[in-house]
Amino acid sequence: MEILFRKHGWRPAMGVLSSCLALTACTGVSEAARGGLSPDGAQETRAQCRADALPDDALQGKTEAEAAALLSGCTWRIGERDGKALPGTMDYQAQRRTLGIEKGKVIWVRRG
């Protein structure tokens, strides 16, 4: 950084510094995302997951809103909506449920 500053002045050095800060900020967001945030962004704990008392297939046939209410406090995501696959991570989390939604209703539930 010091060599860049001496050779080219303060503007390029500030550009490099701001880029580093931006990357650091983005990294913090992804760390939080891996820490178990629910779709509404609230931090969750396993003790709050009411759906653990139900078998996963109990969610099938429910509307998306009903499933979301049952999964409040649980780790979950939507993996497919109306035949279109949605982006997701490849990490395996046994407690996480991935839902397939078609015409507003849950058609499948997978763990991991």
PDB file of N, CA and C in Angstrom:
ATOM      1  N   MET A   1       0.830  -1.178   0.000  1.00  0.00           N
ATOM      2  CA  MET A   1       0.000   0.000   0.000  1.00  0.00           C
ATOM      3  C   MET A   1       0.877   1.245   0.000  1.00  0.00           C
ATOM      4  N   GLU A   2       1.951   1.210   0.811  1.00  0.00           N
ATOM      5  CA  GLU A   2       2.833   2.369   0.902  1.00  0.00           C
ATOM      6  C   GLU A   2       3.516   2.636  -0.438  1.00  0.00           C
ATOM      7  N   ILE A   3       3.930   1.574  -1.134  1.00  0.00           N
ATOM      8  CA  ILE A   3       4.578   1.731  -2.442  1.00  0.00           C
ATOM      9  C   ILE A   3       3.594   2.339  -3.435  1.00  0.00           C
ATOM     10  N   LEU A   4       2.362   1.859  -3.426  1.00  0.00           N
ATOM     11  CA  LEU A   4       1.328   2.403  -4.305  1.00  0.00           C
ATOM     12  C   LEU A   4       1.107   3.882  -4.015  1.00  0.00           C
ATOM     13  N   PHE A   5       1.073   4.245  -2.740  1.00  0.00           N
ATOM     14  CA  PHE A   5       0.856   5.636  -2.355  1.00  0.00           C
ATOM     15  C   PHE A   5       2.005   6.525  -2.826  1.00  0.00           C
ATOM     16  N   ARG A   6       3.236   6.087  -2.613  1.00  0.00           N
ATOM     17  CA  ARG A   6       4.399   6.887  -3.021  1.00  0.00           C
ATOM     18  C   ARG A   6       4.465   7.065  -4.530  1.00  0.00           C
ATOM     19  N   LYS A   7       4.166   6.009  -5.257  1.00  0.00           N
ATOM     20  CA  LYS A   7       4.330   6.035  -6.708  1.00  0.00           C
ATOM     21  C   LYS A   7       3.196   6.774  -7.415  1.00  0.00           C
ATOM     22  N   HIS A   8       1.955   6.596  -6.957  1.00  0.00           N
ATOM     23  CA  HIS A   8       0.799   7.111  -7.692  1.00  0.00           C
ATOM     24  C   HIS A   8      -0.051   8.128  -6.936  1.00  0.00           C
ATOM     25  N   GLY A   9       0.247   8.429  -5.706  1.00  0.00           N
ATOM     26  CA  GLY A   9      -0.551   9.389  -4.951  1.00  0.00           C
ATOM     27  C   GLY A   9      -1.606   8.697  -4.106  1.00  0.00           C
ATOM     28  N   TRP A  10      -2.447   9.473  -3.489  1.00  0.00           N
ATOM     29  CA  TRP A  10      -3.418   8.946  -2.539  1.00  0.00           C
ATOM     30  C   TRP A  10      -4.668   8.356  -3.175  1.00  0.00           C
ATOM     31  N   ARG A  11      -5.070   8.773  -4.367  1.00  0.00           N
ATOM     32  CA  ARG A  11      -6.327   8.285  -4.946  1.00  0.00           C
ATOM     33  C   ARG A  11      -6.322   6.779  -5.227  1.00  0.00           C
ATOM     34  N   PRO A  12      -5.323   6.233  -5.911  1.00  0.00           N
ATOM     35  CA  PRO A  12      -5.335   4.780  -6.111  1.00  0.00           C
ATOM     36  C   PRO A  12      -5.262   4.011  -4.790  1.00  0.00           C
ATOM     37  N   ALA A  13      -4.495   4.550  -3.841  1.00  0.00           N
ATOM     38  CA  ALA A  13      -4.380   3.883  -2.540  1.00  0.00           C
ATOM     39  C   ALA A  13      -5.738   3.844  -1.842  1.00  0.00           C
ATOM     40  N   MET A  14      -6.490   4.916  -1.931  1.00  0.00           N
ATOM     41  CA  MET A  14      -7.823   4.953  -1.316  1.00  0.00           C
ATOM     42  C   MET A  14      -8.775   3.997  -2.025  1.00  0.00           C
ATOM     43  N   GLY A  15      -8.620   3.863  -3.343  1.00  0.00           N
ATOM     44  CA  GLY A  15      -9.451   2.917  -4.090  1.00  0.00           C
ATOM     45  C   GLY A  15      -9.210   1.486  -3.640  1.00  0.00           C
ATOM     46  N   VAL A  16      -7.945   1.136  -3.461  1.00  0.00           N
ATOM     47  CA  VAL A  16      -7.602  -0.203  -2.981  1.00  0.00           C
ATOM     48  C   VAL A  16      -8.143  -0.411  -1.572  1.00  0.00           C
ATOM     49  N   LEU A  17      -7.987   0.577  -0.726  1.00  0.00           N
ATOM     50  CA  LEU A  17      -8.471   0.479   0.646  1.00  0.00           C
ATOM     51  C   LEU A  17      -9.990   0.318   0.693  1.00  0.00           C
ATOM     52  N   SER A  18     -10.713   1.109  -0.096  1.00  0.00           N
ATOM     53  CA  SER A  18     -12.176   1.002  -0.085  1.00  0.00           C
ATOM     54  C   SER A  18     -12.631  -0.338  -0.647  1.00  0.00           C
ATOM     55  N   SER A  19     -11.918  -0.877  -1.635  1.00  0.00           N
ATOM     56  CA  SER A  19     -12.256  -2.201  -2.165  1.00  0.00           C
ATOM     57  C   SER A  19     -12.073  -3.273  -1.101  1.00  0.00           C
ATOM     58  N   CYS A  20     -10.995  -3.174  -0.347  1.00  0.00           N
ATOM     59  CA  CYS A  20     -10.754  -4.138   0.733  1.00  0.00           C
ATOM     60  C   CYS A  20     -11.846  -4.057   1.796  1.00  0.00           C
ATOM     61  N   LEU A  21     -12.250  -2.851   2.139  1.00  0.00           N
ATOM     62  CA  LEU A  21     -13.314  -2.682   3.131  1.00  0.00           C
ATOM     63  C   LEU A  21     -14.635  -3.247   2.630  1.00  0.00           C
ATOM     64  N   ALA A  22     -14.931  -3.033   1.352  1.00  0.00           N
ATOM     65  CA  ALA A  22     -16.175  -3.559   0.782  1.00  0.00           C
ATOM     66  C   ALA A  22     -16.177  -5.080   0.804  1.00  0.00           C
ATOM     67  N   LEU A  23     -15.068  -5.699   0.457  1.00  0.00           N
ATOM     68  CA  LEU A  23     -14.986  -7.159   0.489  1.00  0.00           C
ATOM     69  C   LEU A  23     -15.115  -7.694   1.906  1.00  0.00           C
ATOM     70  N   THR A  24     -14.545  -6.999   2.853  1.00  0.00           N
ATOM     71  CA  THR A  24     -14.659  -7.412   4.247  1.00  0.00           C
ATOM     72  C   THR A  24     -16.108  -7.334   4.709  1.00  0.00           C
ATOM     73  N   ALA A  25     -16.811  -6.297   4.320  1.00  0.00           N
ATOM     74  CA  ALA A  25     -18.222  -6.152   4.699  1.00  0.00           C
ATOM     75  C   ALA A  25     -19.054  -7.265   4.096  1.00  0.00           C
ATOM     76  N   CYS A  26     -18.810  -7.613   2.849  1.00  0.00           N
ATOM     77  CA  CYS A  26     -19.553  -8.695   2.196  1.00  0.00           C
ATOM     78  C   CYS A  26     -19.277 -10.025   2.870  1.00  0.00           C
ATOM     79  N   THR A  27     -18.053 -10.252   3.281  1.00  0.00           N
ATOM     80  CA  THR A  27     -17.702 -11.493   3.956  1.00  0.00           C
ATOM     81  C   THR A  27     -18.471 -11.622   5.258  1.00  0.00           C
ATOM     82  N   GLY A  28     -18.650 -10.525   5.980  1.00  0.00           N
ATOM     83  CA  GLY A  28     -19.406 -10.565   7.218  1.00  0.00           C
ATOM     84  C   GLY A  28     -20.846 -10.969   6.997  1.00  0.00           C
ATOM     85  N   VAL A  29     -21.440 -10.550   5.895  1.00  0.00           N
ATOM     86  CA  VAL A  29     -22.819 -10.909   5.593  1.00  0.00           C
ATOM     87  C   VAL A  29     -22.932 -12.397   5.336  1.00  0.00           C
ATOM     88  N   SER A  30     -22.008 -12.949   4.552  1.00  0.00           N
ATOM     89  CA  SER A  30     -22.096 -14.370   4.254  1.00  0.00           C
ATOM     90  C   SER A  30     -21.843 -15.211   5.504  1.00  0.00           C
ATOM     91  N   GLU A  31     -21.014 -14.740   6.415  1.00  0.00           N
ATOM     92  CA  GLU A  31     -20.804 -15.457   7.669  1.00  0.00           C
ATOM     93  C   GLU A  31     -22.115 -15.516   8.451  1.00  0.00           C
ATOM     94  N   ALA A  32     -22.839 -14.408   8.476  1.00  0.00           N
ATOM     95  CA  ALA A  32     -24.116 -14.390   9.187  1.00  0.00           C
ATOM     96  C   ALA A  32     -25.108 -15.328   8.526  1.00  0.00           C
ATOM     97  N   ALA A  33     -25.085 -15.386   7.202  1.00  0.00           N
ATOM     98  CA  ALA A  33     -26.012 -16.253   6.483  1.00  0.00           C
ATOM     99  C   ALA A  33     -25.759 -17.718   6.823  1.00  0.00           C
ATOM    100  N   ARG A  34     -24.508 -18.082   7.039  1.00  0.00           N
ATOM    101  CA  ARG A  34     -24.199 -19.460   7.390  1.00  0.00           C
ATOM    102  C   ARG A  34     -24.484 -19.744   8.853  1.00  0.00           C
ATOM    103  N   GLY A  35     -24.794 -18.723   9.627  1.00  0.00           N
ATOM    104  CA  GLY A  35     -25.007 -18.909  11.055  1.00  0.00           C
ATOM    105  C   GLY A  35     -26.417 -19.301  11.425  1.00  0.00           C
ATOM    106  N   GLY A  36     -27.261 -19.644  10.471  1.00  0.00           N
ATOM    107  CA  GLY A  36     -28.596 -20.116  10.784  1.00  0.00           C
ATOM    108  C   GLY A  36     -29.649 -19.039  10.801  1.00  0.00           C
ATOM    109  N   LEU A  37     -29.701 -18.211   9.793  1.00  0.00           N
ATOM    110  CA  LEU A  37     -30.751 -17.209   9.718  1.00  0.00           C
ATOM    111  C   LEU A  37     -31.942 -17.780   8.972  1.00  0.00           C
ATOM    112  N   SER A  38     -33.124 -17.510   9.455  1.00  0.00           N
ATOM    113  CA  SER A  38     -34.334 -17.940   8.771  1.00  0.00           C
ATOM    114  C   SER A  38     -34.623 -16.984   7.615  1.00  0.00           C
ATOM    115  N   PRO A  39     -35.563 -17.333   6.715  1.00  0.00           N
ATOM    116  CA  PRO A  39     -35.848 -16.454   5.580  1.00  0.00           C
ATOM    117  C   PRO A  39     -36.219 -15.028   5.955  1.00  0.00           C
ATOM    118  N   ASP A  40     -36.776 -14.810   7.142  1.00  0.00           N
ATOM    119  CA  ASP A  40     -37.116 -13.438   7.525  1.00  0.00           C
ATOM    120  C   ASP A  40     -35.929 -12.718   8.161  1.00  0.00           C
ATOM    121  N   GLY A  41     -34.778 -13.390   8.275  1.00  0.00           N
ATOM    122  CA  GLY A  41     -33.567 -12.755   8.768  1.00  0.00           C
ATOM    123  C   GLY A  41     -33.378 -12.823  10.275  1.00  0.00           C
ATOM    124  N   ALA A  42     -34.288 -13.440  10.992  1.00  0.00           N
ATOM    125  CA  ALA A  42     -34.179 -13.519  12.447  1.00  0.00           C
ATOM    126  C   ALA A  42     -33.250 -14.662  12.840  1.00  0.00           C
ATOM    127  N   GLN A  43     -32.427 -14.420  13.844  1.00  0.00           N
ATOM    128  CA  GLN A  43     -31.543 -15.477  14.338  1.00  0.00           C
ATOM    129  C   GLN A  43     -32.411 -16.545  14.993  1.00  0.00           C
ATOM    130  N   GLU A  44     -32.108 -17.783  14.732  1.00  0.00           N
ATOM    131  CA  GLU A  44     -32.938 -18.854  15.259  1.00  0.00           C
ATOM    132  C   GLU A  44     -32.124 -19.794  16.133  1.00  0.00           C
ATOM    133  N   THR A  45     -32.799 -20.482  16.999  1.00  0.00           N
ATOM    134  CA  THR A  45     -32.171 -21.523  17.791  1.00  0.00           C
ATOM    135  C   THR A  45     -32.995 -22.785  17.630  1.00  0.00           C
ATOM    136  N   ARG A  46     -32.381 -23.925  17.823  1.00  0.00           N
ATOM    137  CA  ARG A  46     -33.077 -25.196  17.640  1.00  0.00           C
ATOM    138  C   ARG A  46     -34.216 -25.351  18.646  1.00  0.00           C
ATOM    139  N   ALA A  47     -34.142 -24.739  19.794  1.00  0.00           N
ATOM    140  CA  ALA A  47     -35.187 -24.876  20.799  1.00  0.00           C
ATOM    141  C   ALA A  47     -36.499 -24.250  20.335  1.00  0.00           C
ATOM    142  N   GLN A  48     -36.464 -23.330  19.378  1.00  0.00           N
ATOM    143  CA  GLN A  48     -37.661 -22.638  18.918  1.00  0.00           C
ATOM    144  C   GLN A  48     -38.385 -23.375  17.794  1.00  0.00           C
ATOM    145  N   CYS A  49     -37.817 -24.418  17.227  1.00  0.00           N
ATOM    146  CA  CYS A  49     -38.388 -25.068  16.046  1.00  0.00           C
ATOM    147  C   CYS A  49     -39.559 -25.973  16.435  1.00  0.00           C
ATOM    148  N   ARG A  50     -40.774 -25.480  16.215  1.00  0.00           N
ATOM    149  CA  ARG A  50     -41.978 -26.232  16.568  1.00  0.00           C
ATOM    150  C   ARG A  50     -42.236 -27.385  15.610  1.00  0.00           C
ATOM    151  N   ALA A  51     -41.768 -27.280  14.365  1.00  0.00           N
ATOM    152  CA  ALA A  51     -42.038 -28.304  13.357  1.00  0.00           C
ATOM    153  C   ALA A  51     -41.276 -29.597  13.623  1.00  0.00           C
ATOM    154  N   ASP A  52     -40.295 -29.583  14.525  1.00  0.00           N
ATOM    155  CA  ASP A  52     -39.566 -30.813  14.831  1.00  0.00           C
ATOM    156  C   ASP A  52     -40.479 -31.873  15.437  1.00  0.00           C
ATOM    157  N   ALA A  53     -41.597 -31.466  16.009  1.00  0.00           N
ATOM    158  CA  ALA A  53     -42.544 -32.418  16.586  1.00  0.00           C
ATOM    159  C   ALA A  53     -43.383 -33.111  15.514  1.00  0.00           C
ATOM    160  N   LEU A  54     -43.354 -32.591  14.287  1.00  0.00           N
ATOM    161  CA  LEU A  54     -44.146 -33.140  13.182  1.00  0.00           C
ATOM    162  C   LEU A  54     -43.253 -33.879  12.194  1.00  0.00           C
ATOM    163  N   PRO A  55     -43.791 -34.906  11.526  1.00  0.00           N
ATOM    164  CA  PRO A  55     -43.022 -35.506  10.430  1.00  0.00           C
ATOM    165  C   PRO A  55     -42.958 -34.517   9.265  1.00  0.00           C
ATOM    166  N   ASP A  56     -41.888 -34.596   8.480  1.00  0.00           N
ATOM    167  CA  ASP A  56     -41.720 -33.647   7.377  1.00  0.00           C
ATOM    168  C   ASP A  56     -42.860 -33.708   6.368  1.00  0.00           C
ATOM    169  N   ASP A  57     -43.414 -34.908   6.143  1.00  0.00           N
ATOM    170  CA  ASP A  57     -44.491 -35.003   5.152  1.00  0.00           C
ATOM    171  C   ASP A  57     -45.787 -34.338   5.619  1.00  0.00           C
ATOM    172  N   ALA A  58     -45.854 -33.928   6.888  1.00  0.00           N
ATOM    173  CA  ALA A  58     -47.019 -33.182   7.373  1.00  0.00           C
ATOM    174  C   ALA A  58     -47.102 -31.805   6.721  1.00  0.00           C
ATOM    175  N   LEU A  59     -45.985 -31.325   6.174  1.00  0.00           N
ATOM    176  CA  LEU A  59     -45.980 -30.022   5.497  1.00  0.00           C
ATOM    177  C   LEU A  59     -46.536 -30.108   4.081  1.00  0.00           C
ATOM    178  N   GLN A  60     -46.518 -31.295   3.497  1.00  0.00           N
ATOM    179  CA  GLN A  60     -47.008 -31.445   2.126  1.00  0.00           C
ATOM    180  C   GLN A  60     -48.501 -31.147   2.066  1.00  0.00           C
ATOM    181  N   GLY A  61     -48.884 -30.388   1.053  1.00  0.00           N
ATOM    182  CA  GLY A  61     -50.272 -30.001   0.880  1.00  0.00           C
ATOM    183  C   GLY A  61     -50.634 -28.695   1.579  1.00  0.00           C
ATOM    184  N   LYS A  62     -49.783 -28.233   2.474  1.00  0.00           N
ATOM    185  CA  LYS A  62     -50.029 -26.955   3.153  1.00  0.00           C
ATOM    186  C   LYS A  62     -49.713 -25.806   2.201  1.00  0.00           C
ATOM    187  N   THR A  63     -50.351 -24.666   2.432  1.00  0.00           N
ATOM    188  CA  THR A  63     -49.996 -23.479   1.653  1.00  0.00           C
ATOM    189  C   THR A  63     -48.618 -23.014   2.115  1.00  0.00           C
ATOM    190  N   GLU A  64     -47.997 -22.190   1.291  1.00  0.00           N
ATOM    191  CA  GLU A  64     -46.678 -21.670   1.648  1.00  0.00           C
ATOM    192  C   GLU A  64     -46.740 -20.899   2.967  1.00  0.00           C
ATOM    193  N   ALA A  65     -47.803 -20.125   3.173  1.00  0.00           N
ATOM    194  CA  ALA A  65     -47.955 -19.346   4.409  1.00  0.00           C
ATOM    195  C   ALA A  65     -48.120 -20.266   5.622  1.00  0.00           C
ATOM    196  N   GLU A  66     -48.905 -21.335   5.480  1.00  0.00           N
ATOM    197  CA  GLU A  66     -49.084 -22.285   6.580  1.00  0.00           C
ATOM    198  C   GLU A  66     -47.764 -22.977   6.925  1.00  0.00           C
ATOM    199  N   ALA A  67     -47.029 -23.376   5.888  1.00  0.00           N
ATOM    200  CA  ALA A  67     -45.733 -24.031   6.107  1.00  0.00           C
ATOM    201  C   ALA A  67     -44.761 -23.075   6.780  1.00  0.00           C
ATOM    202  N   ALA A  68     -44.753 -21.825   6.336  1.00  0.00           N
ATOM    203  CA  ALA A  68     -43.859 -20.828   6.933  1.00  0.00           C
ATOM    204  C   ALA A  68     -44.192 -20.633   8.412  1.00  0.00           C
ATOM    205  N   ALA A  69     -45.476 -20.628   8.750  1.00  0.00           N
ATOM    206  CA  ALA A  69     -45.875 -20.473  10.150  1.00  0.00           C
ATOM    207  C   ALA A  69     -45.426 -21.677  10.980  1.00  0.00           C
ATOM    208  N   LEU A  70     -45.597 -22.885  10.434  1.00  0.00           N
ATOM    209  CA  LEU A  70     -45.163 -24.087  11.145  1.00  0.00           C
ATOM    210  C   LEU A  70     -43.647 -24.142  11.301  1.00  0.00           C
ATOM    211  N   LEU A  71     -42.933 -23.604  10.323  1.00  0.00           N
ATOM    212  CA  LEU A  71     -41.471 -23.650  10.328  1.00  0.00           C
ATOM    213  C   LEU A  71     -40.837 -22.443  11.017  1.00  0.00           C
ATOM    214  N   SER A  72     -41.647 -21.626  11.644  1.00  0.00           N
ATOM    215  CA  SER A  72     -41.118 -20.467  12.362  1.00  0.00           C
ATOM    216  C   SER A  72     -40.113 -20.935  13.410  1.00  0.00           C
ATOM    217  N   GLY A  73     -38.914 -20.371  13.366  1.00  0.00           N
ATOM    218  CA  GLY A  73     -37.859 -20.771  14.279  1.00  0.00           C
ATOM    219  C   GLY A  73     -37.013 -21.928  13.785  1.00  0.00           C
ATOM    220  N   CYS A  74     -37.365 -22.495  12.640  1.00  0.00           N
ATOM    221  CA  CYS A  74     -36.617 -23.618  12.058  1.00  0.00           C
ATOM    222  C   CYS A  74     -35.723 -23.115  10.928  1.00  0.00           C
ATOM    223  N   THR A  75     -34.745 -23.925  10.571  1.00  0.00           N
ATOM    224  CA  THR A  75     -33.911 -23.624   9.418  1.00  0.00           C
ATOM    225  C   THR A  75     -34.595 -24.223   8.199  1.00  0.00           C
ATOM    226  N   TRP A  76     -34.963 -23.371   7.233  1.00  0.00           N
ATOM    227  CA  TRP A  76     -35.637 -23.863   6.039  1.00  0.00           C
ATOM    228  C   TRP A  76     -35.415 -22.911   4.884  1.00  0.00           C
ATOM    229  N   ARG A  77     -35.730 -23.404   3.699  1.00  0.00           N
ATOM    230  CA  ARG A  77     -35.609 -22.594   2.487  1.00  0.00           C
ATOM    231  C   ARG A  77     -36.507 -23.189   1.413  1.00  0.00           C
ATOM    232  N   ILE A  78     -36.735 -22.414   0.374  1.00  0.00           N
ATOM    233  CA  ILE A  78     -37.501 -22.896  -0.773  1.00  0.00           C
ATOM    234  C   ILE A  78     -36.502 -23.265  -1.858  1.00  0.00           C
ATOM    235  N   GLY A  79     -36.549 -24.521  -2.294  1.00  0.00           N
ATOM    236  CA  GLY A  79     -35.608 -25.007  -3.300  1.00  0.00           C
ATOM    237  C   GLY A  79     -36.161 -24.973  -4.704  1.00  0.00           C
ATOM    238  N   GLU A  80     -37.479 -24.983  -4.814  1.00  0.00           N
ATOM    239  CA  GLU A  80     -38.111 -24.982  -6.137  1.00  0.00           C
ATOM    240  C   GLU A  80     -39.472 -24.312  -6.026  1.00  0.00           C
ATOM    241  N   ARG A  81     -39.775 -23.460  -6.998  1.00  0.00           N
ATOM    242  CA  ARG A  81     -41.083 -22.804  -7.034  1.00  0.00           C
ATOM    243  C   ARG A  81     -41.646 -22.926  -8.441  1.00  0.00           C
ATOM    244  N   ASP A  82     -42.799 -23.580  -8.551  1.00  0.00           N
ATOM    245  CA  ASP A  82     -43.489 -23.773  -9.834  1.00  0.00           C
ATOM    246  C   ASP A  82     -42.559 -24.337 -10.909  1.00  0.00           C
ATOM    247  N   GLY A  83     -41.799 -25.370 -10.537  1.00  0.00           N
ATOM    248  CA  GLY A  83     -40.925 -26.059 -11.478  1.00  0.00           C
ATOM    249  C   GLY A  83     -39.587 -25.399 -11.723  1.00  0.00           C
ATOM    250  N   LYS A  84     -39.348 -24.227 -11.144  1.00  0.00           N
ATOM    251  CA  LYS A  84     -38.081 -23.525 -11.343  1.00  0.00           C
ATOM    252  C   LYS A  84     -37.216 -23.687 -10.098  1.00  0.00           C
ATOM    253  N   ALA A  85     -36.022 -24.276 -10.289  1.00  0.00           N
ATOM    254  CA  ALA A  85     -35.086 -24.452  -9.177  1.00  0.00           C
ATOM    255  C   ALA A  85     -34.552 -23.094  -8.739  1.00  0.00           C
ATOM    256  N   LEU A  86     -34.456 -22.903  -7.443  1.00  0.00           N
ATOM    257  CA  LEU A  86     -33.934 -21.665  -6.871  1.00  0.00           C
ATOM    258  C   LEU A  86     -32.532 -21.918  -6.323  1.00  0.00           C
ATOM    259  N   PRO A  87     -31.692 -20.883  -6.273  1.00  0.00           N
ATOM    260  CA  PRO A  87     -30.322 -21.080  -5.791  1.00  0.00           C
ATOM    261  C   PRO A  87     -30.289 -21.484  -4.319  1.00  0.00           C
ATOM    262  N   GLY A  88     -29.340 -22.332  -4.010  1.00  0.00           N
ATOM    263  CA  GLY A  88     -29.150 -22.773  -2.637  1.00  0.00           C
ATOM    264  C   GLY A  88     -27.713 -23.195  -2.433  1.00  0.00           C
ATOM    265  N   THR A  89     -27.329 -23.335  -1.200  1.00  0.00           N
ATOM    266  CA  THR A  89     -25.962 -23.752  -0.901  1.00  0.00           C
ATOM    267  C   THR A  89     -25.863 -25.268  -0.981  1.00  0.00           C
ATOM    268  N   MET A  90     -24.652 -25.771  -1.111  1.00  0.00           N
ATOM    269  CA  MET A  90     -24.428 -27.208  -1.216  1.00  0.00           C
ATOM    270  C   MET A  90     -24.028 -27.832   0.122  1.00  0.00           C
ATOM    271  N   ASP A  91     -23.973 -27.027   1.177  1.00  0.00           N
ATOM    272  CA  ASP A  91     -23.605 -27.580   2.475  1.00  0.00           C
ATOM    273  C   ASP A  91     -24.760 -28.390   3.038  1.00  0.00           C
ATOM    274  N   TYR A  92     -24.439 -29.459   3.740  1.00  0.00           N
ATOM    275  CA  TYR A  92     -25.462 -30.323   4.312  1.00  0.00           C
ATOM    276  C   TYR A  92     -25.709 -29.924   5.759  1.00  0.00           C
ATOM    277  N   GLN A  93     -26.964 -29.632   6.065  1.00  0.00           N
ATOM    278  CA  GLN A  93     -27.386 -29.331   7.434  1.00  0.00           C
ATOM    279  C   GLN A  93     -28.595 -30.204   7.719  1.00  0.00           C
ATOM    280  N   ALA A  94     -28.420 -31.193   8.563  1.00  0.00           N
ATOM    281  CA  ALA A  94     -29.467 -32.188   8.808  1.00  0.00           C
ATOM    282  C   ALA A  94     -30.778 -31.570   9.286  1.00  0.00           C
ATOM    283  N   GLN A  95     -30.712 -30.474  10.025  1.00  0.00           N
ATOM    284  CA  GLN A  95     -31.936 -29.872  10.561  1.00  0.00           C
ATOM    285  C   GLN A  95     -32.673 -29.005   9.540  1.00  0.00           C
ATOM    286  N   ARG A  96     -32.007 -28.630   8.429  1.00  0.00           N
ATOM    287  CA  ARG A  96     -32.620 -27.718   7.457  1.00  0.00           C
ATOM    288  C   ARG A  96     -33.601 -28.469   6.555  1.00  0.00           C
ATOM    289  N   ARG A  97     -34.744 -27.852   6.336  1.00  0.00           N
ATOM    290  CA  ARG A  97     -35.737 -28.379   5.402  1.00  0.00           C
ATOM    291  C   ARG A  97     -35.718 -27.527   4.138  1.00  0.00           C
ATOM    292  N   THR A  98     -35.781 -28.186   2.997  1.00  0.00           N
ATOM    293  CA  THR A  98     -35.895 -27.499   1.715  1.00  0.00           C
ATOM    294  C   THR A  98     -37.250 -27.880   1.137  1.00  0.00           C
ATOM    295  N   LEU A  99     -38.028 -26.868   0.751  1.00  0.00           N
ATOM    296  CA  LEU A  99     -39.392 -27.095   0.281  1.00  0.00           C
ATOM    297  C   LEU A  99     -39.508 -26.887  -1.218  1.00  0.00           C
ATOM    298  N   GLY A 100     -40.351 -27.705  -1.835  1.00  0.00           N
ATOM    299  CA  GLY A 100     -40.754 -27.493  -3.217  1.00  0.00           C
ATOM    300  C   GLY A 100     -42.172 -26.937  -3.201  1.00  0.00           C
ATOM    301  N   ILE A 101     -42.386 -25.831  -3.889  1.00  0.00           N
ATOM    302  CA  ILE A 101     -43.690 -25.152  -3.898  1.00  0.00           C
ATOM    303  C   ILE A 101     -44.236 -25.159  -5.321  1.00  0.00           C
ATOM    304  N   GLU A 102     -45.500 -25.529  -5.456  1.00  0.00           N
ATOM    305  CA  GLU A 102     -46.163 -25.442  -6.759  1.00  0.00           C
ATOM    306  C   GLU A 102     -47.564 -24.878  -6.548  1.00  0.00           C
ATOM    307  N   LYS A 103     -47.866 -23.821  -7.280  1.00  0.00           N
ATOM    308  CA  LYS A 103     -49.163 -23.134  -7.178  1.00  0.00           C
ATOM    309  C   LYS A 103     -49.492 -22.776  -5.728  1.00  0.00           C
ATOM    310  N   GLY A 104     -48.460 -22.340  -4.989  1.00  0.00           N
ATOM    311  CA  GLY A 104     -48.666 -21.868  -3.626  1.00  0.00           C
ATOM    312  C   GLY A 104     -48.744 -22.944  -2.562  1.00  0.00           C
ATOM    313  N   LYS A 105     -48.565 -24.229  -2.938  1.00  0.00           N
ATOM    314  CA  LYS A 105     -48.641 -25.323  -1.968  1.00  0.00           C
ATOM    315  C   LYS A 105     -47.345 -26.116  -1.940  1.00  0.00           C
ATOM    316  N   VAL A 106     -47.035 -26.658  -0.774  1.00  0.00           N
ATOM    317  CA  VAL A 106     -45.836 -27.485  -0.608  1.00  0.00           C
ATOM    318  C   VAL A 106     -46.090 -28.838  -1.262  1.00  0.00           C
ATOM    319  N   ILE A 107     -45.194 -29.223  -2.193  1.00  0.00           N
ATOM    320  CA  ILE A 107     -45.359 -30.521  -2.863  1.00  0.00           C
ATOM    321  C   ILE A 107     -44.288 -31.532  -2.441  1.00  0.00           C
ATOM    322  N   TRP A 108     -43.160 -31.064  -1.921  1.00  0.00           N
ATOM    323  CA  TRP A 108     -42.144 -31.971  -1.378  1.00  0.00           C
ATOM    324  C   TRP A 108     -41.325 -31.268  -0.303  1.00  0.00           C
ATOM    325  N   VAL A 109     -40.733 -32.084   0.573  1.00  0.00           N
ATOM    326  CA  VAL A 109     -39.864 -31.594   1.647  1.00  0.00           C
ATOM    327  C   VAL A 109     -38.642 -32.503   1.684  1.00  0.00           C
ATOM    328  N   ARG A 110     -37.468 -31.895   1.693  1.00  0.00           N
ATOM    329  CA  ARG A 110     -36.211 -32.649   1.801  1.00  0.00           C
ATOM    330  C   ARG A 110     -35.402 -32.091   2.955  1.00  0.00           C
ATOM    331  N   ARG A 111     -34.637 -32.948   3.589  1.00  0.00           N
ATOM    332  CA  ARG A 111     -33.751 -32.532   4.675  1.00  0.00           C
ATOM    333  C   ARG A 111     -32.342 -32.326   4.150  1.00  0.00           C
ATOM    334  N   GLY A 112     -31.638 -31.412   4.777  1.00  0.00           N
ATOM    335  CA  GLY A 112     -30.236 -31.197   4.439  1.00  0.00           C
ATOM    336  C   GLY A 112     -30.030 -29.881   3.831  1.00  0.00           C
TER     337      GLY A 112
END
